[in-house]
Amino acid sequence: MSQANILERLQPIFRDVFDDDDITVGPETTAEDVEGWDSLMHVSLMINIERAFGVRFSTTEVASMTNVGELARLLEQRIAGGGRA
């Protein structure tokens, strides 16, 4: 699965988690770009992403991501490698 496909699949997850149909995410999107994206929402977002993609992230991986592009790259690697850390 390409990063473009991953970003396409992430879009509705972000919209659902943040309850905002106008959110548009791209590789450079950060928590500062999305209203309400605090630490609690980050946990909810990551849980929803893990479920949707059938993957698991370590706490270190989650904490080290700085933008959606890094998330997409990690998802791409995880999907290619079978899903688990």
Protein backbone atom coordinates (compact mmCIF):
# COMPACT_ATOMS: atom_id res chain seq x y z
CA MET A 1 0.00 0.00 0.00
CA SER A 2 1.43 3.38 -0.99
CA GLN A 3 1.67 6.41 1.28
CA ALA A 4 -0.92 8.14 -0.91
CA ASN A 5 -3.36 5.28 -0.28
CA ILE A 6 -2.57 5.39 3.42
CA LEU A 7 -3.22 9.14 3.57
CA GLU A 8 -6.50 8.55 1.76
CA ARG A 9 -7.50 5.96 4.39
CA LEU A 10 -6.38 8.21 7.26
CA GLN A 11 -8.61 11.11 6.18
CA PRO A 12 -11.94 9.62 7.34
CA ILE A 13 -10.34 8.38 10.58
CA PHE A 14 -9.20 11.91 11.44
CA ARG A 15 -12.61 13.31 10.52
CA ASP A 16 -14.36 10.74 12.71
CA VAL A 17 -12.05 11.07 15.73
CA PHE A 18 -12.12 14.88 15.69
CA ASP A 19 -15.78 15.02 14.59
CA ASP A 20 -14.93 17.48 11.82
CA ASP A 21 -15.81 16.72 8.20
CA ASP A 22 -13.65 19.63 7.02
CA ILE A 23 -10.32 18.25 8.28
CA THR A 24 -7.85 17.64 5.49
CA VAL A 25 -4.64 15.85 6.40
CA GLY A 26 -1.44 15.66 4.41
CA PRO A 27 2.13 14.57 5.07
CA GLU A 28 3.04 17.84 6.78
CA THR A 29 -0.04 17.97 9.05
CA THR A 30 0.83 18.19 12.76
CA ALA A 31 -1.19 18.32 15.96
CA GLU A 32 -0.89 22.11 15.86
CA ASP A 33 -2.84 22.12 12.59
CA VAL A 34 -5.89 20.29 13.97
CA GLU A 35 -8.14 21.93 16.54
CA GLY A 36 -8.56 19.74 19.60
CA TRP A 37 -5.59 17.46 18.89
CA ASP A 38 -4.26 17.13 22.41
CA SER A 39 -2.67 14.16 24.17
CA LEU A 40 -5.99 12.49 24.96
CA MET A 41 -7.21 12.84 21.37
CA HIS A 42 -3.85 11.54 20.17
CA VAL A 43 -4.39 8.30 22.10
CA SER A 44 -7.89 7.96 20.65
CA LEU A 45 -6.59 8.68 17.15
CA MET A 46 -3.82 6.10 17.41
CA ILE A 47 -6.19 3.43 18.72
CA ASN A 48 -8.54 4.06 15.80
CA ILE A 49 -5.66 3.95 13.32
CA GLU A 50 -4.31 0.72 14.80
CA ARG A 51 -7.75 -0.88 14.50
CA ALA A 52 -8.36 0.36 10.97
CA PHE A 53 -4.99 -0.82 9.66
CA GLY A 54 -4.60 -3.93 11.84
CA VAL A 55 -1.27 -2.77 13.27
CA ARG A 56 0.24 -2.00 16.67
CA PHE A 57 2.63 0.81 17.57
CA SER A 58 5.00 1.00 20.51
CA THR A 59 4.76 3.92 22.91
CA THR A 60 8.14 5.12 21.63
CA GLU A 61 6.92 5.10 18.03
CA VAL A 62 3.77 7.03 18.92
CA ALA A 63 5.73 9.61 20.90
CA SER A 64 8.33 10.10 18.17
CA MET A 65 5.92 10.91 15.30
CA THR A 66 5.98 14.61 14.47
CA ASN A 67 3.60 14.72 11.50
CA VAL A 68 1.14 12.65 9.48
CA GLY A 69 3.80 11.87 6.86
CA GLU A 70 5.87 10.03 9.48
CA LEU A 71 2.75 8.15 10.55
CA ALA A 72 2.06 7.17 6.92
CA ARG A 73 5.65 5.96 6.42
CA LEU A 74 5.48 3.90 9.60
CA LEU A 75 2.14 2.44 8.52
CA GLU A 76 3.57 1.59 5.11
CA GLN A 77 6.47 -0.28 6.77
CA ARG A 78 4.21 -2.00 9.27
CA ILE A 79 1.71 -3.14 6.60
CA ALA A 80 4.54 -4.50 4.44
CA GLY A 81 6.01 -6.30 7.45
CA GLY A 82 2.85 -7.94 8.75
CA GLY A 83 1.45 -5.45 11.26
CA ARG A 84 3.13 -5.93 14.62
CA ALA A 85 6.09 -4.25 16.25
